Protein backbone atom coordinates (compact mmCIF):
# COMPACT_ATOMS: atom_id res chain seq x y z
CA MET A 1 0.00 0.00 0.00
CA PRO A 2 2.10 2.96 -1.27
CA PHE A 3 0.36 5.66 0.79
CA GLY A 4 -1.75 5.99 3.91
CA VAL A 5 -3.86 8.86 5.25
CA ASP A 6 -5.21 9.78 8.68
CA GLU A 7 -6.42 12.87 10.51
CA ALA A 8 -6.01 14.41 13.96
CA GLY A 9 -8.09 17.04 15.70
CA LYS A 10 -11.55 16.27 14.39
CA GLY A 11 -13.28 16.57 17.76
CA PRO A 12 -11.62 19.45 19.69
CA ALA A 13 -13.38 22.72 20.43
CA LEU A 14 -10.20 24.68 19.72
CA GLY A 15 -7.91 24.98 16.73
CA SER A 16 -7.50 23.31 13.37
CA MET A 17 -7.88 19.75 12.18
CA PHE A 18 -4.95 18.20 10.30
CA ALA A 19 -4.70 15.32 7.86
CA ALA A 20 -1.45 13.69 6.80
CA ALA A 21 -0.58 11.39 3.93
CA VAL A 22 2.56 9.25 3.98
CA HIS A 23 3.97 7.57 0.86
CA VAL A 24 6.54 4.78 0.88
CA GLU A 25 7.12 1.91 -1.53
CA THR A 26 7.47 -0.70 1.20
CA ASP A 27 6.56 -0.81 4.90
CA ALA A 28 10.10 -2.08 5.54
CA ALA A 29 11.33 1.49 5.02
CA LEU A 30 9.25 2.74 7.95
CA PRO A 31 11.07 3.17 11.28
CA ASP A 32 10.58 0.67 14.06
CA GLY A 33 7.86 1.47 16.57
CA ILE A 34 5.22 2.80 14.18
CA ALA A 35 1.76 2.48 15.73
CA ASP A 36 -1.49 4.36 16.05
CA SER A 37 -0.47 7.77 17.40
CA LYS A 38 -2.90 7.44 20.33
CA ARG A 39 -0.82 4.54 21.64
CA LEU A 40 2.44 6.50 21.68
CA ALA A 41 3.85 9.02 24.16
CA PRO A 42 4.24 12.57 22.78
CA ALA A 43 8.04 12.41 22.84
CA ARG A 44 8.01 9.14 20.90
CA ARG A 45 5.59 10.59 18.35
CA ASP A 46 7.88 13.58 17.83
CA GLU A 47 10.89 11.30 17.39
CA LEU A 48 9.14 9.11 14.83
CA ALA A 49 7.77 12.11 12.92
CA ASP A 50 11.28 13.54 12.67
CA THR A 51 12.59 10.20 11.41
CA LEU A 52 9.85 9.96 8.79
CA ARG A 53 10.52 13.48 7.52
CA ALA A 54 14.27 12.92 7.34
CA ASP A 55 14.03 9.77 5.20
CA ASP A 56 14.28 10.47 1.45
CA ARG A 57 12.38 7.26 0.73
CA ILE A 58 9.30 8.62 2.49
CA GLY A 59 7.01 11.35 1.19
CA ILE A 60 4.71 13.37 3.44
CA GLY A 61 1.73 15.57 2.64
CA LEU A 62 -0.19 17.68 5.14
CA ALA A 63 -3.51 19.52 5.06
CA GLU A 64 -5.06 21.92 7.59
CA ILE A 65 -8.74 22.70 8.11
CA THR A 66 -9.09 25.92 10.13
CA PRO A 67 -11.74 26.84 12.71
CA ALA A 68 -13.22 29.33 10.22
CA GLN A 69 -13.71 26.51 7.71
CA ILE A 70 -15.16 24.26 10.40
CA ASP A 71 -17.64 26.94 11.47
CA ASP A 72 -18.81 27.58 7.91
CA PRO A 73 -22.56 26.79 7.94
CA GLU A 74 -22.35 25.68 4.31
CA THR A 75 -20.34 22.58 5.18
CA ASP A 76 -20.02 19.86 7.84
CA MET A 77 -17.25 17.86 9.52
CA ASN A 78 -17.76 14.79 7.36
CA SER A 79 -17.27 16.84 4.20
CA LEU A 80 -14.33 18.71 5.71
CA THR A 81 -12.64 15.45 6.71
CA VAL A 82 -13.04 14.23 3.13
CA ARG A 83 -11.51 17.51 1.92
CA ALA A 84 -8.61 17.21 4.37
CA HIS A 85 -7.76 13.69 3.23
CA ALA A 86 -7.92 14.71 -0.44
CA GLN A 87 -5.76 17.79 0.12
CA ALA A 88 -3.18 15.77 2.07
CA ILE A 89 -2.92 13.31 -0.84
CA GLU A 90 -2.55 16.16 -3.35
CA SER A 91 0.10 17.77 -1.12
CA LEU A 92 1.87 14.40 -0.93
CA SER A 93 2.10 14.25 -4.72
CA THR A 94 3.64 17.72 -4.87
CA ALA A 95 6.09 16.89 -2.08
CA ASN A 96 7.22 13.71 -3.83
CA GLU A 97 7.69 15.44 -7.17
CA THR A 98 9.79 18.16 -5.55
CA LYS A 99 11.85 15.64 -3.61
CA ASP A 100 12.53 13.54 -6.70
CA GLU A 101 13.42 16.56 -8.82
CA ASN A 102 16.00 17.60 -6.24
CA LYS A 103 17.30 14.07 -5.97
CA ASN A 104 17.67 13.65 -9.71
CA LYS A 105 19.70 16.86 -9.95
CA ASN A 106 22.30 15.36 -7.64
CA GLU A 107 22.44 11.87 -9.10
CA ASN A 108 23.54 10.38 -12.41
CA GLU A 109 21.10 7.49 -12.44
CA ASN A 110 19.43 8.78 -15.62
CA GLU A 111 22.61 9.70 -17.45
CA ASN A 112 21.30 8.28 -20.76
CA GLY A 113 18.04 10.20 -20.47
CA ASN A 114 15.97 6.99 -20.46
CA GLY A 115 15.58 6.43 -16.75
CA ASN A 116 12.23 6.39 -15.02
CA GLY A 117 12.22 9.14 -12.39
CA ASN A 118 10.10 8.36 -9.34
CA GLY A 119 8.43 11.77 -9.42
CA ASN A 120 7.08 11.19 -12.95
CA GLU A 121 5.85 7.72 -12.05
CA PHE A 122 4.10 9.10 -8.98
CA ALA A 123 2.39 11.79 -11.03
CA ALA A 124 1.42 9.61 -14.03
CA ASP A 125 0.15 6.38 -12.46
CA PRO A 126 -2.99 6.00 -10.34
CA LEU A 127 -2.07 6.38 -6.69
CA ALA A 128 -2.97 3.37 -4.58
CA GLY A 129 -3.58 4.05 -0.93
CA LEU A 130 -5.50 3.45 2.27
CA CYS A 131 -7.39 5.93 4.45
CA ASP A 132 -8.55 5.52 8.01
CA ALA A 133 -12.31 5.67 7.40
CA CYS A 134 -13.92 8.71 9.03
CA ASP A 135 -17.45 7.66 8.07
CA THR A 136 -19.68 4.85 9.30
CA ASP A 137 -19.62 3.63 5.69
CA ALA A 138 -15.95 3.05 4.81
CA GLU A 139 -16.61 2.46 1.11
CA ARG A 140 -18.55 5.72 0.87
CA PHE A 141 -15.69 7.58 2.52
CA ALA A 142 -13.20 6.17 0.02
CA ARG A 143 -15.44 7.19 -2.88
CA ARG A 144 -15.89 10.71 -1.53
CA VAL A 145 -12.14 11.24 -1.04
CA THR A 146 -11.47 9.89 -4.53
CA ASP A 147 -14.04 12.26 -6.03
CA ALA A 148 -12.65 15.23 -4.07
CA CYS A 149 -9.03 14.61 -5.09
CA ALA A 150 -7.65 16.09 -8.30
CA LEU A 151 -5.43 13.02 -8.77
CA GLU A 152 -6.35 9.61 -10.11
CA LEU A 153 -6.63 7.26 -7.15
CA GLU A 154 -7.12 3.61 -6.34
CA LEU A 155 -8.26 4.20 -2.78
CA ASP A 156 -9.48 1.98 0.01
CA ALA A 157 -10.75 3.05 3.43
CA ARG A 158 -11.04 0.92 6.55
CA HIS A 159 -12.09 1.51 10.12
CA GLY A 160 -9.15 1.11 12.48
CA ALA A 161 -6.62 1.36 9.67
CA ASP A 162 -4.39 3.50 11.91
CA GLU A 163 -4.01 0.44 14.15
CA ASP A 164 -3.83 -2.27 11.48
CA SER A 165 -1.72 -0.60 8.76
CA PRO A 166 1.82 0.65 9.51
CA ILE A 167 1.67 3.28 6.76
CA VAL A 168 -1.64 4.68 8.04
CA GLY A 169 -0.17 4.55 11.54
CA ALA A 170 2.72 6.65 10.23
CA ALA A 171 0.22 9.15 8.81
CA SER A 172 -1.58 9.29 12.14
CA ILE A 173 1.70 10.18 13.85
CA VAL A 174 2.49 13.00 11.41
CA ALA A 175 -1.05 14.40 11.72
CA LYS A 176 -1.03 14.20 15.52
CA VAL A 177 2.39 15.87 15.80
CA ALA A 178 1.16 18.69 13.52
CA ARG A 179 -1.95 19.10 15.65
CA ASP A 180 0.08 19.12 18.90
CA ALA A 181 2.45 21.76 17.49
CA HIS A 182 -0.56 23.83 16.51
CA VAL A 183 -1.96 23.63 20.06
CA GLU A 184 1.43 24.66 21.44
CA THR A 185 1.33 27.75 19.21
CA ILE A 186 -2.12 28.59 20.55
CA ALA A 187 -0.85 28.17 24.12
CA ASP A 188 2.10 30.46 23.40
CA GLU A 189 -0.38 33.18 22.51
CA PHE A 190 -3.18 32.59 25.02
CA GLY A 191 -1.62 30.69 27.91
CA SER A 192 -2.63 27.21 29.04
CA VAL A 193 -5.47 25.89 26.87
CA GLY A 194 -5.22 22.16 27.53
CA SER A 195 -5.68 19.70 24.69
CA GLY A 196 -8.55 21.59 23.11
CA TYR A 197 -10.98 18.71 23.61
CA PRO A 198 -14.38 19.44 25.21
CA SER A 199 -13.74 16.86 27.94
CA ASP A 200 -10.54 18.63 29.05
CA PRO A 201 -11.20 20.78 32.16
CA THR A 202 -8.26 23.05 31.28
CA THR A 203 -9.76 23.77 27.87
CA ARG A 204 -13.14 24.52 29.41
CA GLU A 205 -11.55 26.81 32.01
CA PHE A 206 -9.66 28.67 29.29
CA LEU A 207 -12.84 29.26 27.30
CA GLU A 208 -14.75 30.44 30.36
CA ARG A 209 -11.93 32.75 31.44
CA TYR A 210 -11.52 34.23 27.96
CA VAL A 211 -15.25 34.87 27.55
CA ASP A 212 -15.41 36.40 31.04
CA GLU A 213 -12.57 38.79 30.20
CA HIS A 214 -13.43 39.62 26.58
CA GLY A 215 -17.15 39.01 26.24
CA GLU A 216 -16.63 36.74 23.26
CA LEU A 217 -15.01 33.45 22.29
CA PRO A 218 -11.31 33.40 21.34
CA PRO A 219 -10.51 33.48 17.62
CA VAL A 220 -9.11 29.94 17.81
CA ALA A 221 -12.42 28.52 19.07
CA ARG A 222 -14.79 26.50 16.93
CA THR A 223 -17.73 28.72 17.68
CA SER A 224 -20.25 26.28 16.24
CA TRP A 225 -19.20 23.58 18.72
CA ALA A 226 -21.72 22.90 21.51
CA THR A 227 -19.01 23.38 24.14
CA CYS A 228 -18.27 26.90 22.89
CA GLU A 229 -21.94 27.77 22.51
CA ASP A 230 -22.60 26.57 26.07
CA VAL A 231 -19.75 28.65 27.52
CA LEU A 232 -20.95 31.76 25.70
CA ALA A 233 -24.57 31.19 26.72
CA ALA A 234 -23.60 30.68 30.37
CA ALA A 235 -21.63 33.92 30.37
CA GLU A 236 -24.54 35.82 28.83
CA GLN A 237 -26.92 34.33 31.41
CA THR A 238 -24.57 35.33 34.23
CA GLY A 239 -24.49 38.86 32.83
CA LEU A 240 -28.27 39.06 32.77
CA GLY A 241 -28.44 37.86 36.34
CA GLN A 242 -26.38 40.79 37.51
CA PHE A 243 -29.15 43.26 36.62
């Protein structure tokens, strides 16, 4: 399975969602210890993501779906997850072509002009891959991602692929590390925000404190999320009770 795709950050009330695609010709090229990102400690995820990015045999594509896109009433999370997977695959193709162009400039493997560069093969042939299904109907999810992608795909989707497939597990690690770095950037600006998930008391406390101080939700909040709507409504009710 030449590429795998997974997402991170679909459920939080804060920040962006990320999808990552990882391309490699054989699972044997993946570093030891690849697993579903949820099963790995943050430091181990960071280490593996660095190893994946440093390996010339491995291509990585990344897509970000922002809170503004998530809050758009004209779309929904299922459609946005489809878009994220498709954009990650398209980004993967671009990354591989760039990597192979740079590699070919420094090598003499095609000295007779008849060699088959990997970047051209990647761009010309249908891309075979596996997504972690983000829909109750895995086949429908695969069809929707295929239709949304500008590239020709031979795509499968399976529930639990991030646990069963090493290459999808690698994609889950890259996506989770990107999401964690994004949350760290938010924390640098706003202070402690927790994980961003509705069940996280630190996240809830941050939202309540911000609304209490500013009278509105922070710009990094997914304002259409029930958690954010509840915090805003509670603050408005408290304000009314003071009169």
